[in-house]
PDB file of N, CA and C in Angstrom:
ATOM      1  N   MET A   1      -9.507 112.461 248.510  1.00  0.00           N
ATOM      2  CA  MET A   1      -8.448 111.904 248.038  1.00  0.00           C
ATOM      3  C   MET A   1      -7.017 112.209 248.566  1.00  0.00           C
ATOM      4  N   ALA A   2      -6.426 111.686 248.961  1.00  0.00           N
ATOM      5  CA  ALA A   2      -4.985 111.834 249.463  1.00  0.00           C
ATOM      6  C   ALA A   2      -4.166 110.884 248.309  1.00  0.00           C
ATOM      7  N   PRO A   3      -2.709 112.192 248.362  1.00  0.00           N
ATOM      8  CA  PRO A   3      -2.058 111.280 247.218  1.00  0.00           C
ATOM      9  C   PRO A   3      -1.353 110.332 247.545  1.00  0.00           C
ATOM     10  N   ARG A   4      -0.965 109.790 246.499  1.00  0.00           N
ATOM     11  CA  ARG A   4      -0.437 108.519 246.862  1.00  0.00           C
ATOM     12  C   ARG A   4       1.092 108.379 246.333  1.00  0.00           C
ATOM     13  N   LYS A   5       1.643 107.371 246.900  1.00  0.00           N
ATOM     14  CA  LYS A   5       2.956 107.458 246.999  1.00  0.00           C
ATOM     15  C   LYS A   5       3.357 106.798 246.025  1.00  0.00           C
ATOM     16  N   THR A   6       2.989 106.621 244.538  1.00  0.00           N
ATOM     17  CA  THR A   6       3.494 106.683 243.267  1.00  0.00           C
ATOM     18  C   THR A   6       3.826 108.289 242.965  1.00  0.00           C
ATOM     19  N   ASP A   7       2.667 108.971 243.367  1.00  0.00           N
ATOM     20  CA  ASP A   7       3.097 110.268 242.531  1.00  0.00           C
ATOM     21  C   ASP A   7       4.455 110.755 243.775  1.00  0.00           C
ATOM     22  N   ARG A   8       4.513 110.700 244.750  1.00  0.00           N
ATOM     23  CA  ARG A   8       5.872 111.044 245.171  1.00  0.00           C
ATOM     24  C   ARG A   8       7.103 110.253 245.034  1.00  0.00           C
ATOM     25  N   VAL A   9       6.991 109.477 244.409  1.00  0.00           N
ATOM     26  CA  VAL A   9       7.809 108.428 243.683  1.00  0.00           C
ATOM     27  C   VAL A   9       8.408 109.000 242.240  1.00  0.00           C
ATOM     28  N   GLY A  10       7.438 109.470 241.773  1.00  0.00           N
ATOM     29  CA  GLY A  10       7.427 109.921 240.478  1.00  0.00           C
ATOM     30  C   GLY A  10       8.196 111.392 240.147  1.00  0.00           C
ATOM     31  N   SER A  11       7.806 111.974 241.337  1.00  0.00           N
ATOM     32  CA  SER A  11       8.522 113.082 241.691  1.00  0.00           C
ATOM     33  C   SER A  11      10.077 113.283 241.829  1.00  0.00           C
ATOM     34  N   LYS A  12      10.427 112.323 242.523  1.00  0.00           N
ATOM     35  CA  LYS A  12      11.459 111.872 243.183  1.00  0.00           C
ATOM     36  C   LYS A  12      12.550 112.086 241.985  1.00  0.00           C
ATOM     37  N   PRO A  13      12.545 111.369 240.925  1.00  0.00           N
ATOM     38  CA  PRO A  13      13.453 111.245 239.694  1.00  0.00           C
ATOM     39  C   PRO A  13      14.090 112.633 238.941  1.00  0.00           C
ATOM     40  N   ARG A  14      12.753 113.870 238.958  1.00  0.00           N
ATOM     41  CA  ARG A  14      12.692 114.529 239.079  1.00  0.00           C
ATOM     42  C   ARG A  14      13.731 115.904 239.352  1.00  0.00           C
ATOM     43  N   THR A  15      13.495 115.397 240.562  1.00  0.00           N
ATOM     44  CA  THR A  15      14.353 116.327 241.445  1.00  0.00           C
ATOM     45  C   THR A  15      16.447 115.917 241.616  1.00  0.00           C
ATOM     46  N   GLU A  16      16.555 114.368 241.392  1.00  0.00           N
ATOM     47  CA  GLU A  16      17.758 114.130 241.164  1.00  0.00           C
ATOM     48  C   GLU A  16      18.104 114.671 240.065  1.00  0.00           C
ATOM     49  N   LYS A  17      17.465 114.993 238.822  1.00  0.00           N
ATOM     50  CA  LYS A  17      17.482 115.279 237.745  1.00  0.00           C
ATOM     51  C   LYS A  17      18.066 116.549 237.838  1.00  0.00           C
ATOM     52  N   LYS A  18      17.394 117.452 238.425  1.00  0.00           N
ATOM     53  CA  LYS A  18      17.406 118.677 238.857  1.00  0.00           C
ATOM     54  C   LYS A  18      18.891 119.172 239.138  1.00  0.00           C
ATOM     55  N   LEU A  19      19.336 118.281 240.737  1.00  0.00           N
ATOM     56  CA  LEU A  19      20.502 117.723 241.097  1.00  0.00           C
ATOM     57  C   LEU A  19      21.803 117.434 240.321  1.00  0.00           C
ATOM     58  N   GLY A  20      21.690 116.506 239.244  1.00  0.00           N
ATOM     59  CA  GLY A  20      22.268 116.364 238.411  1.00  0.00           C
ATOM     60  C   GLY A  20      23.358 117.516 237.563  1.00  0.00           C
ATOM     61  N   VAL A  21      21.700 118.045 236.887  1.00  0.00           N
ATOM     62  CA  VAL A  21      22.089 118.775 235.861  1.00  0.00           C
ATOM     63  C   VAL A  21      22.794 120.083 236.938  1.00  0.00           C
ATOM     64  N   ARG A  22      22.131 120.343 238.033  1.00  0.00           N
ATOM     65  CA  ARG A  22      23.382 121.535 239.259  1.00  0.00           C
ATOM     66  C   ARG A  22      24.709 121.334 239.272  1.00  0.00           C
ATOM     67  N   VAL A  23      24.875 119.995 239.597  1.00  0.00           N
ATOM     68  CA  VAL A  23      26.491 119.514 239.626  1.00  0.00           C
ATOM     69  C   VAL A  23      26.682 119.483 238.268  1.00  0.00           C
ATOM     70  N   GLU A  24      26.548 119.221 237.287  1.00  0.00           N
ATOM     71  CA  GLU A  24      27.434 119.354 236.118  1.00  0.00           C
ATOM     72  C   GLU A  24      27.850 120.625 235.703  1.00  0.00           C
ATOM     73  N   ALA A  25      26.383 121.681 236.239  1.00  0.00           N
ATOM     74  CA  ALA A  25      26.854 122.920 235.794  1.00  0.00           C
ATOM     75  C   ALA A  25      27.905 123.743 236.144  1.00  0.00           C
ATOM     76  N   ARG A  26      28.071 122.984 237.395  1.00  0.00           N
ATOM     77  CA  ARG A  26      29.347 123.466 238.872  1.00  0.00           C
ATOM     78  C   ARG A  26      30.157 122.987 238.229  1.00  0.00           C
ATOM     79  N   ARG A  27      30.454 121.388 237.457  1.00  0.00           N
ATOM     80  CA  ARG A  27      31.562 121.410 237.356  1.00  0.00           C
ATOM     81  C   ARG A  27      31.813 121.973 235.730  1.00  0.00           C
ATOM     82  N   ALA A  28      30.998 122.247 235.238  1.00  0.00           N
ATOM     83  CA  ALA A  28      31.612 122.932 233.747  1.00  0.00           C
ATOM     84  C   ALA A  28      31.660 124.250 234.263  1.00  0.00           C
ATOM     85  N   LYS A  29      31.146 124.879 235.374  1.00  0.00           N
ATOM     86  CA  LYS A  29      31.671 126.016 235.445  1.00  0.00           C
ATOM     87  C   LYS A  29      33.228 126.294 235.790  1.00  0.00           C
ATOM     88  N   ALA A  30      33.666 124.884 236.957  1.00  0.00           N
ATOM     89  CA  ALA A  30      34.780 124.852 237.211  1.00  0.00           C
ATOM     90  C   ALA A  30      35.824 125.081 235.851  1.00  0.00           C
ATOM     91  N   GLU A  31      35.157 123.957 235.391  1.00  0.00           N
ATOM     92  CA  GLU A  31      36.314 123.402 234.370  1.00  0.00           C
ATOM     93  C   GLU A  31      36.752 124.490 233.073  1.00  0.00           C
ATOM     94  N   MET A  32      35.231 125.569 232.899  1.00  0.00           N
ATOM     95  CA  MET A  32      35.697 126.735 232.192  1.00  0.00           C
ATOM     96  C   MET A  32      36.868 128.110 233.005  1.00  0.00           C
ATOM     97  N   GLY A  33      36.380 128.254 234.344  1.00  0.00           N
ATOM     98  CA  GLY A  33      37.152 128.590 235.094  1.00  0.00           C
ATOM     99  C   GLY A  33      38.609 128.054 234.736  1.00  0.00           C
ATOM    100  N   LYS A  34      38.982 126.776 235.468  1.00  0.00           N
ATOM    101  CA  LYS A  34      40.520 126.578 234.456  1.00  0.00           C
ATOM    102  C   LYS A  34      41.108 127.087 233.412  1.00  0.00           C
ATOM    103  N   VAL A  35      40.326 126.808 232.396  1.00  0.00           N
ATOM    104  CA  VAL A  35      40.217 127.315 230.959  1.00  0.00           C
ATOM    105  C   VAL A  35      41.329 128.242 231.004  1.00  0.00           C
ATOM    106  N   LYS A  36      39.830 129.047 231.503  1.00  0.00           N
ATOM    107  CA  LYS A  36      40.332 130.805 231.027  1.00  0.00           C
ATOM    108  C   LYS A  36      41.760 130.915 231.749  1.00  0.00           C
ATOM    109  N   GLU A  37      41.832 130.401 233.034  1.00  0.00           N
ATOM    110  CA  GLU A  37      43.131 130.584 233.669  1.00  0.00           C
ATOM    111  C   GLU A  37      44.375 130.059 232.998  1.00  0.00           C
ATOM    112  N   GLU A  38      44.262 129.138 232.267  1.00  0.00           N
ATOM    113  CA  GLU A  38      45.072 128.235 231.428  1.00  0.00           C
ATOM    114  C   GLU A  38      45.125 129.439 230.208  1.00  0.00           C
ATOM    115  N   GLN A  39      44.402 129.429 229.339  1.00  0.00           N
ATOM    116  CA  GLN A  39      44.379 130.570 228.551  1.00  0.00           C
ATOM    117  C   GLN A  39      45.106 132.366 228.896  1.00  0.00           C
ATOM    118  N   GLY A  40      44.550 132.382 230.143  1.00  0.00           N
ATOM    119  CA  GLY A  40      45.531 133.878 230.488  1.00  0.00           C
ATOM    120  C   GLY A  40      46.887 133.619 230.664  1.00  0.00           C
ATOM    121  N   CYS A  41      47.323 131.823 231.322  1.00  0.00           N
ATOM    122  CA  CYS A  41      48.840 131.858 231.221  1.00  0.00           C
ATOM    123  C   CYS A  41      49.521 131.670 229.612  1.00  0.00           C
ATOM    124  N   LEU A  42      48.736 131.303 228.786  1.00  0.00           N
ATOM    125  CA  LEU A  42      49.586 131.479 227.521  1.00  0.00           C
ATOM    126  C   LEU A  42      49.330 132.551 226.900  1.00  0.00           C
ATOM    127  N   ARG A  43      48.836 133.511 227.132  1.00  0.00           N
ATOM    128  CA  ARG A  43      48.741 134.804 226.935  1.00  0.00           C
ATOM    129  C   ARG A  43      50.107 135.327 227.202  1.00  0.00           C
ATOM    130  N   ASP A  44      50.598 134.979 228.565  1.00  0.00           N
ATOM    131  CA  ASP A  44      51.304 135.789 229.030  1.00  0.00           C
ATOM    132  C   ASP A  44      52.695 135.023 228.151  1.00  0.00           C
ATOM    133  N   GLU A  45      52.642 133.608 227.858  1.00  0.00           N
ATOM    134  CA  GLU A  45      54.103 133.271 227.835  1.00  0.00           C
ATOM    135  C   GLU A  45      54.066 133.836 226.482  1.00  0.00           C
ATOM    136  N   LYS A  46      53.107 133.879 225.449  1.00  0.00           N
ATOM    137  CA  LYS A  46      53.222 134.249 223.933  1.00  0.00           C
ATOM    138  C   LYS A  46      53.938 135.870 223.908  1.00  0.00           C
ATOM    139  N   ARG A  47      53.106 136.889 224.890  1.00  0.00           N
ATOM    140  CA  ARG A  47      54.137 137.750 225.046  1.00  0.00           C
ATOM    141  C   ARG A  47      55.465 137.678 225.439  1.00  0.00           C
ATOM    142  N   LYS A  48      55.394 137.089 226.223  1.00  0.00           N
ATOM    143  CA  LYS A  48      56.671 136.758 226.925  1.00  0.00           C
ATOM    144  C   LYS A  48      57.948 136.266 225.362  1.00  0.00           C
ATOM    145  N   LEU A  49      57.320 134.940 224.680  1.00  0.00           N
ATOM    146  CA  LEU A  49      57.897 134.711 223.878  1.00  0.00           C
ATOM    147  C   LEU A  49      57.824 135.855 222.846  1.00  0.00           C
ATOM    148  N   VAL A  50      56.825 136.449 222.221  1.00  0.00           N
ATOM    149  CA  VAL A  50      56.793 137.382 220.892  1.00  0.00           C
ATOM    150  C   VAL A  50      58.107 138.788 221.976  1.00  0.00           C
ATOM    151  N   THR A  51      58.438 139.122 222.654  1.00  0.00           N
ATOM    152  CA  THR A  51      58.709 140.398 223.518  1.00  0.00           C
ATOM    153  C   THR A  51      60.570 139.170 223.134  1.00  0.00           C
ATOM    154  N   LYS A  52      60.992 137.988 223.625  1.00  0.00           N
ATOM    155  CA  LYS A  52      62.113 137.262 223.413  1.00  0.00           C
ATOM    156  C   LYS A  52      62.547 137.653 221.810  1.00  0.00           C
ATOM    157  N   PHE A  53      61.910 137.324 220.986  1.00  0.00           N
ATOM    158  CA  PHE A  53      61.757 137.016 219.004  1.00  0.00           C
ATOM    159  C   PHE A  53      62.090 138.378 218.589  1.00  0.00           C
ATOM    160  N   ASN A  54      61.523 139.510 219.640  1.00  0.00           N
ATOM    161  CA  ASN A  54      62.101 141.290 219.439  1.00  0.00           C
ATOM    162  C   ASN A  54      63.025 140.943 219.475  1.00  0.00           C
ATOM    163  N   GLU A  55      63.877 140.887 220.836  1.00  0.00           N
ATOM    164  CA  GLU A  55      65.165 141.150 221.107  1.00  0.00           C
ATOM    165  C   GLU A  55      66.363 140.542 220.422  1.00  0.00           C
ATOM    166  N   ILE A  56      65.849 139.164 219.708  1.00  0.00           N
ATOM    167  CA  ILE A  56      66.591 138.453 219.437  1.00  0.00           C
ATOM    168  C   ILE A  56      66.699 139.207 217.711  1.00  0.00           C
ATOM    169  N   ALA A  57      65.785 139.150 217.142  1.00  0.00           N
ATOM    170  CA  ALA A  57      65.902 140.232 215.806  1.00  0.00           C
ATOM    171  C   ALA A  57      66.541 141.256 215.953  1.00  0.00           C
ATOM    172  N   LYS A  58      66.409 142.185 217.082  1.00  0.00           N
ATOM    173  CA  LYS A  58      67.463 143.328 216.869  1.00  0.00           C
ATOM    174  C   LYS A  58      68.822 143.189 217.235  1.00  0.00           C
ATOM    175  N   GLN A  59      69.067 141.572 218.386  1.00  0.00           N
ATOM    176  CA  GLN A  59      70.961 141.708 218.329  1.00  0.00           C
ATOM    177  C   GLN A  59      71.346 140.861 216.805  1.00  0.00           C
ATOM    178  N   CYS A  60      70.364 140.433 216.033  1.00  0.00           N
ATOM    179  CA  CYS A  60      70.403 139.819 214.556  1.00  0.00           C
ATOM    180  C   CYS A  60      70.835 140.686 213.807  1.00  0.00           C
ATOM    181  N   ASP A  61      69.998 141.707 213.994  1.00  0.00           N
ATOM    182  CA  ASP A  61      70.278 142.912 213.126  1.00  0.00           C
ATOM    183  C   ASP A  61      71.596 143.921 213.390  1.00  0.00           C
ATOM    184  N   GLU A  62      71.305 144.178 214.714  1.00  0.00           N
ATOM    185  CA  GLU A  62      73.445 144.679 215.053  1.00  0.00           C
ATOM    186  C   GLU A  62      74.158 143.473 214.586  1.00  0.00           C
ATOM    187  N   LEU A  63      74.419 142.078 215.013  1.00  0.00           N
ATOM    188  CA  LEU A  63      75.361 141.249 214.259  1.00  0.00           C
ATOM    189  C   LEU A  63      75.758 141.748 213.207  1.00  0.00           C
ATOM    190  N   LYS A  64      74.319 142.011 212.485  1.00  0.00           N
ATOM    191  CA  LYS A  64      74.419 142.131 210.841  1.00  0.00           C
ATOM    192  C   LYS A  64      75.514 143.695 210.597  1.00  0.00           C
ATOM    193  N   GLU A  65      74.776 144.579 211.025  1.00  0.00           N
ATOM    194  CA  GLU A  65      75.944 145.806 211.292  1.00  0.00           C
ATOM    195  C   GLU A  65      77.111 145.672 211.735  1.00  0.00           C
ATOM    196  N   GLU A  66      77.360 145.003 212.654  1.00  0.00           N
ATOM    197  CA  GLU A  66      78.844 144.485 212.786  1.00  0.00           C
ATOM    198  C   GLU A  66      79.482 143.944 211.768  1.00  0.00           C
ATOM    199  N   THR A  67      79.115 142.648 211.326  1.00  0.00           N
ATOM    200  CA  THR A  67      79.379 142.171 210.206  1.00  0.00           C
ATOM    201  C   THR A  67      79.977 143.045 208.765  1.00  0.00           C
ATOM    202  N   GLU A  68      79.003 143.824 208.087  1.00  0.00           N
ATOM    203  CA  GLU A  68      79.510 144.204 207.382  1.00  0.00           C
ATOM    204  C   GLU A  68      81.018 145.366 207.333  1.00  0.00           C
ATOM    205  N   MET A  69      80.953 146.300 208.860  1.00  0.00           N
ATOM    206  CA  MET A  69      81.438 147.188 209.244  1.00  0.00           C
ATOM    207  C   MET A  69      82.940 145.966 209.101  1.00  0.00           C
ATOM    208  N   ILE A  70      82.925 145.051 209.303  1.00  0.00           N
ATOM    209  CA  ILE A  70      84.062 144.395 209.488  1.00  0.00           C
ATOM    210  C   ILE A  70      84.572 143.844 208.404  1.00  0.00           C
ATOM    211  N   VAL A  71      83.999 143.387 207.345  1.00  0.00           N
ATOM    212  CA  VAL A  71      84.090 143.444 206.237  1.00  0.00           C
ATOM    213  C   VAL A  71      84.741 144.329 205.477  1.00  0.00           C
ATOM    214  N   LYS A  72      84.036 145.566 205.630  1.00  0.00           N
ATOM    215  CA  LYS A  72      84.546 146.916 205.108  1.00  0.00           C
ATOM    216  C   LYS A  72      85.975 147.056 205.378  1.00  0.00           C
ATOM    217  N   GLN A  73      86.266 146.811 207.068  1.00  0.00           N
ATOM    218  CA  GLN A  73      87.284 147.426 207.176  1.00  0.00           C
ATOM    219  C   GLN A  73      88.647 146.461 206.572  1.00  0.00           C
ATOM    220  N   SER A  74      87.858 144.955 206.720  1.00  0.00           N
ATOM    221  CA  SER A  74      88.631 144.197 206.060  1.00  0.00           C
ATOM    222  C   SER A  74      89.642 144.666 204.760  1.00  0.00           C
ATOM    223  N   ALA A  75      88.345 144.775 203.941  1.00  0.00           N
ATOM    224  CA  ALA A  75      88.302 145.075 202.864  1.00  0.00           C
ATOM    225  C   ALA A  75      89.727 146.230 202.473  1.00  0.00           C
ATOM    226  N   ILE A  76      89.625 147.362 203.190  1.00  0.00           N
ATOM    227  CA  ILE A  76      90.266 148.591 203.033  1.00  0.00           C
ATOM    228  C   ILE A  76      91.318 148.144 204.239  1.00  0.00           C
ATOM    229  N   THR A  77      91.911 147.522 204.773  1.00  0.00           N
ATOM    230  CA  THR A  77      92.730 147.323 205.438  1.00  0.00           C
ATOM    231  C   THR A  77      93.803 146.480 204.211  1.00  0.00           C
ATOM    232  N   ARG A  78      92.909 145.741 203.334  1.00  0.00           N
ATOM    233  CA  ARG A  78      93.701 144.891 202.311  1.00  0.00           C
ATOM    234  C   ARG A  78      94.615 145.399 201.434  1.00  0.00           C
ATOM    235  N   ALA A  79      93.503 146.959 201.363  1.00  0.00           N
ATOM    236  CA  ALA A  79      93.868 147.777 200.296  1.00  0.00           C
ATOM    237  C   ALA A  79      95.133 148.091 200.513  1.00  0.00           C
ATOM    238  N   LYS A  80      95.206 148.765 201.596  1.00  0.00           N
ATOM    239  CA  LYS A  80      96.377 149.457 202.298  1.00  0.00           C
ATOM    240  C   LYS A  80      97.208 148.774 202.196  1.00  0.00           C
ATOM    241  N   LEU A  81      97.269 147.393 202.835  1.00  0.00           N
ATOM    242  CA  LEU A  81      98.569 146.901 202.377  1.00  0.00           C
ATOM    243  C   LEU A  81      99.096 146.324 201.251  1.00  0.00           C
ATOM    244  N   LEU A  82      98.129 146.105 200.233  1.00  0.00           N
ATOM    245  CA  LEU A  82      98.379 146.340 198.901  1.00  0.00           C
ATOM    246  C   LEU A  82      99.174 147.402 198.398  1.00  0.00           C
ATOM    247  N   LEU A  83      98.756 148.819 198.733  1.00  0.00           N
ATOM    248  CA  LEU A  83      99.350 149.989 198.231  1.00  0.00           C
ATOM    249  C   LEU A  83     100.821 149.899 199.216  1.00  0.00           C
ATOM    250  N   MET A  84     100.631 149.355 200.192  1.00  0.00           N
ATOM    251  CA  MET A  84     102.284 149.263 200.552  1.00  0.00           C
ATOM    252  C   MET A  84     103.377 148.206 199.899  1.00  0.00           C
ATOM    253  N   TYR A  85     102.747 146.962 199.400  1.00  0.00           N
ATOM    254  CA  TYR A  85     103.582 146.278 198.978  1.00  0.00           C
ATOM    255  C   TYR A  85     103.424 146.986 197.818  1.00  0.00           C
ATOM    256  N   GLY A  86     102.863 147.597 197.371  1.00  0.00           N
ATOM    257  CA  GLY A  86     103.243 148.226 195.513  1.00  0.00           C
ATOM    258  C   GLY A  86     104.712 149.201 195.980  1.00  0.00           C
ATOM    259  N   ILE A  87     104.278 149.796 197.116  1.00  0.00           N
ATOM    260  CA  ILE A  87     105.411 151.002 197.259  1.00  0.00           C
ATOM    261  C   ILE A  87     106.620 150.106 197.218  1.00  0.00           C
ATOM    262  N   LEU A  88     106.714 149.465 198.128  1.00  0.00           N
ATOM    263  CA  LEU A  88     108.149 148.316 198.526  1.00  0.00           C
ATOM    264  C   LEU A  88     108.347 147.739 196.885  1.00  0.00           C
ATOM    265  N   LYS A  89     107.917 147.630 196.124  1.00  0.00           N
ATOM    266  CA  LYS A  89     108.065 147.162 195.001  1.00  0.00           C
ATOM    267  C   LYS A  89     108.632 148.188 193.771  1.00  0.00           C
ATOM    268  N   ALA A  90     108.169 149.136 194.033  1.00  0.00           N
ATOM    269  CA  ALA A  90     108.245 150.492 193.010  1.00  0.00           C
ATOM    270  C   ALA A  90     109.745 151.118 193.952  1.00  0.00           C
ATOM    271  N   ARG A  91     110.101 150.890 194.840  1.00  0.00           N
ATOM    272  CA  ARG A  91     111.019 151.558 195.458  1.00  0.00           C
ATOM    273  C   ARG A  91     112.426 150.546 195.354  1.00  0.00           C
ATOM    274  N   GLU A  92     112.147 149.117 195.416  1.00  0.00           N
ATOM    275  CA  GLU A  92     113.031 148.723 194.940  1.00  0.00           C
ATOM    276  C   GLU A  92     113.516 148.443 193.651  1.00  0.00           C
ATOM    277  N   SER A  93     112.396 148.314 193.135  1.00  0.00           N
ATOM    278  CA  SER A  93     113.184 149.042 191.188  1.00  0.00           C
ATOM    279  C   SER A  93     113.399 150.381 190.599  1.00  0.00           C
ATOM    280  N   GLY A  94     113.537 150.875 191.999  1.00  0.00           N
ATOM    281  CA  GLY A  94     113.902 152.514 191.349  1.00  0.00           C
ATOM    282  C   GLY A  94     112.750 153.337 190.890  1.00  0.00           C
ATOM    283  N   ASP A  95     111.947 152.678 190.935  1.00  0.00           N
ATOM    284  CA  ASP A  95     110.637 153.748 190.383  1.00  0.00           C
ATOM    285  C   ASP A  95     109.882 154.862 191.559  1.00  0.00           C
ATOM    286  N   LEU A  96     110.537 155.732 191.341  1.00  0.00           N
ATOM    287  CA  LEU A  96     109.887 156.625 192.351  1.00  0.00           C
ATOM    288  C   LEU A  96     108.729 157.248 192.225  1.00  0.00           C
ATOM    289  N   VAL A  97     108.504 157.583 190.996  1.00  0.00           N
ATOM    290  CA  VAL A  97     107.175 158.310 190.748  1.00  0.00           C
ATOM    291  C   VAL A  97     106.317 157.572 191.287  1.00  0.00           C
ATOM    292  N   GLN A  98     106.543 156.065 190.777  1.00  0.00           N
ATOM    293  CA  GLN A  98     105.490 155.348 191.114  1.00  0.00           C
ATOM    294  C   GLN A  98     105.154 155.399 192.878  1.00  0.00           C
ATOM    295  N   ALA A  99     105.844 155.388 193.304  1.00  0.00           N
ATOM    296  CA  ALA A  99     106.245 154.950 194.844  1.00  0.00           C
ATOM    297  C   ALA A  99     105.400 156.141 195.260  1.00  0.00           C
ATOM    298  N   ALA A 100     105.849 157.206 194.855  1.00  0.00           N
ATOM    299  CA  ALA A 100     105.339 158.491 195.473  1.00  0.00           C
ATOM    300  C   ALA A 100     103.728 158.522 194.929  1.00  0.00           C
ATOM    301  N   ILE A 101     103.705 158.087 194.099  1.00  0.00           N
ATOM    302  CA  ILE A 101     101.853 158.023 193.463  1.00  0.00           C
ATOM    303  C   ILE A 101     101.360 157.208 194.431  1.00  0.00           C
ATOM    304  N   LEU A 102     101.868 155.935 194.690  1.00  0.00           N
ATOM    305  CA  LEU A 102     101.142 155.089 195.773  1.00  0.00           C
ATOM    306  C   LEU A 102     100.929 155.608 197.088  1.00  0.00           C
ATOM    307  N   THR A 103     101.800 156.277 197.500  1.00  0.00           N
ATOM    308  CA  THR A 103     102.444 156.714 198.769  1.00  0.00           C
ATOM    309  C   THR A 103     101.383 157.890 199.067  1.00  0.00           C
ATOM    310  N   ARG A 104     101.304 158.679 198.035  1.00  0.00           N
ATOM    311  CA  ARG A 104      99.975 159.932 197.970  1.00  0.00           C
ATOM    312  C   ARG A 104      98.841 159.057 198.092  1.00  0.00           C
ATOM    313  N   PHE A 105      98.312 158.318 197.509  1.00  0.00           N
ATOM    314  CA  PHE A 105      97.077 157.616 197.327  1.00  0.00           C
ATOM    315  C   PHE A 105      96.816 157.065 199.192  1.00  0.00           C
ATOM    316  N   LEU A 106      97.934 156.355 199.523  1.00  0.00           N
ATOM    317  CA  LEU A 106      97.695 155.850 200.694  1.00  0.00           C
ATOM    318  C   LEU A 106      97.555 157.049 201.666  1.00  0.00           C
ATOM    319  N   ARG A 107      98.288 157.816 201.853  1.00  0.00           N
ATOM    320  CA  ARG A 107      97.581 159.022 202.582  1.00  0.00           C
ATOM    321  C   ARG A 107      96.462 159.662 202.630  1.00  0.00           C
ATOM    322  N   GLU A 108      96.280 159.133 201.130  1.00  0.00           N
ATOM    323  CA  GLU A 108      94.810 159.932 201.397  1.00  0.00           C
ATOM    324  C   GLU A 108      93.280 159.177 201.740  1.00  0.00           C
ATOM    325  N   ILE A 109      93.851 157.611 201.537  1.00  0.00           N
ATOM    326  CA  ILE A 109      93.059 156.504 202.204  1.00  0.00           C
ATOM    327  C   ILE A 109      93.253 156.727 204.279  1.00  0.00           C
ATOM    328  N   VAL A 110      94.083 156.824 204.338  1.00  0.00           N
ATOM    329  CA  VAL A 110      94.618 157.154 205.847  1.00  0.00           C
ATOM    330  C   VAL A 110      93.580 158.170 206.307  1.00  0.00           C
ATOM    331  N   ALA A 111      93.976 159.561 205.805  1.00  0.00           N
ATOM    332  CA  ALA A 111      93.094 160.849 205.641  1.00  0.00           C
ATOM    333  C   ALA A 111      91.579 160.533 205.935  1.00  0.00           C
ATOM    334  N   MET A 112      91.017 159.813 205.153  1.00  0.00           N
ATOM    335  CA  MET A 112      89.846 159.931 204.801  1.00  0.00           C
ATOM    336  C   MET A 112      89.234 158.691 205.749  1.00  0.00           C
ATOM    337  N   GLU A 113      90.136 157.672 206.428  1.00  0.00           N
ATOM    338  CA  GLU A 113      89.554 157.073 207.616  1.00  0.00           C
ATOM    339  C   GLU A 113      89.783 157.789 209.026  1.00  0.00           C
ATOM    340  N   LYS A 114      90.447 158.532 209.083  1.00  0.00           N
ATOM    341  CA  LYS A 114      90.253 159.299 210.403  1.00  0.00           C
ATOM    342  C   LYS A 114      89.633 160.584 210.484  1.00  0.00           C
ATOM    343  N   ALA A 115      89.218 160.851 209.080  1.00  0.00           N
ATOM    344  CA  ALA A 115      88.317 161.797 208.978  1.00  0.00           C
ATOM    345  C   ALA A 115      86.538 160.855 209.755  1.00  0.00           C
ATOM    346  N   ASN A 116      86.610 159.884 209.112  1.00  0.00           N
ATOM    347  CA  ASN A 116      85.211 159.139 209.451  1.00  0.00           C
ATOM    348  C   ASN A 116      85.414 158.726 210.695  1.00  0.00           C
ATOM    349  N   ALA A 117      86.382 158.468 211.709  1.00  0.00           N
ATOM    350  CA  ALA A 117      86.530 158.069 213.032  1.00  0.00           C
ATOM    351  C   ALA A 117      86.013 159.358 213.627  1.00  0.00           C
ATOM    352  N   ILE A 118      86.492 160.086 213.246  1.00  0.00           N
ATOM    353  CA  ILE A 118      86.193 161.525 214.113  1.00  0.00           C
ATOM    354  C   ILE A 118      85.019 161.777 213.533  1.00  0.00           C
ATOM    355  N   LEU A 119      84.063 161.748 212.733  1.00  0.00           N
ATOM    356  CA  LEU A 119      82.741 161.999 212.691  1.00  0.00           C
ATOM    357  C   LEU A 119      82.002 161.090 213.503  1.00  0.00           C
ATOM    358  N   ASP A 120      82.421 159.910 213.485  1.00  0.00           N
ATOM    359  CA  ASP A 120      81.960 158.519 214.221  1.00  0.00           C
ATOM    360  C   ASP A 120      81.698 158.966 215.739  1.00  0.00           C
ATOM    361  N   GLU A 121      82.841 159.326 216.314  1.00  0.00           N
ATOM    362  CA  GLU A 121      82.964 159.780 217.693  1.00  0.00           C
ATOM    363  C   GLU A 121      81.879 160.732 218.105  1.00  0.00           C
ATOM    364  N   ALA A 122      81.997 162.235 217.057  1.00  0.00           N
ATOM    365  CA  ALA A 122      80.977 162.899 217.190  1.00  0.00           C
ATOM    366  C   ALA A 122      79.531 162.757 217.058  1.00  0.00           C
ATOM    367  N   GLU A 123      79.556 161.609 216.276  1.00  0.00           N
ATOM    368  CA  GLU A 123      77.892 161.279 216.337  1.00  0.00           C
ATOM    369  C   GLU A 123      77.197 160.285 217.523  1.00  0.00           C
ATOM    370  N   ASP A 124      78.236 160.039 217.972  1.00  0.00           N
ATOM    371  CA  ASP A 124      78.265 158.854 219.009  1.00  0.00           C
ATOM    372  C   ASP A 124      78.043 159.921 220.226  1.00  0.00           C
ATOM    373  N   GLU A 125      78.923 161.225 220.399  1.00  0.00           N
ATOM    374  CA  GLU A 125      78.480 162.037 221.383  1.00  0.00           C
ATOM    375  C   GLU A 125      77.077 162.608 221.254  1.00  0.00           C
ATOM    376  N   ASP A 126      76.716 162.855 219.856  1.00  0.00           N
ATOM    377  CA  ASP A 126      75.355 163.844 219.940  1.00  0.00           C
ATOM    378  C   ASP A 126      74.342 162.481 220.141  1.00  0.00           C
ATOM    379  N   ASP A 127      74.723 160.888 220.563  1.00  0.00           N
ATOM    380  CA  ASP A 127      73.640 160.286 220.825  1.00  0.00           C
ATOM    381  C   ASP A 127      73.539 159.953 222.198  1.00  0.00           C
ATOM    382  N   ASP A 128      74.908 160.217 222.852  1.00  0.00           N
ATOM    383  CA  ASP A 128      74.524 159.944 223.992  1.00  0.00           C
ATOM    384  C   ASP A 128      74.222 161.432 224.812  1.00  0.00           C
ATOM    385  N   PRO A 129      73.086 161.485 226.039  1.00  0.00           N
ATOM    386  CA  PRO A 129      72.483 162.959 226.503  1.00  0.00           C
ATOM    387  C   PRO A 129      73.482 163.037 227.435  1.00  0.00           C
TER     388      PRO A 129
END
């Protein structure tokens, strides 16, 4: 007996199903490739952002240090101005002893500032190769 046409017709849908599955598999692989590529781009962007964030945090720390230094310098300058004003008032009132004490104190503050400046310069030279 020869095979019937119905048998061939019955096998044709199976071939079409297999073909459909193959097409879907290729499509899925292509999509997976795109997703993988996008994930790689996202990882690169994340690395860039983390690096940028770390740089910003470092700059923030540097600005905090500079601000603290300016506040200290401002306080020292204010203290010196108050001492100078006290010296002037003491001299105007004829209290030369008080003027001498305040002048000596002002000189000590200026000497300490100079010493600190020299030490800072020495540290900067040591840091630079």
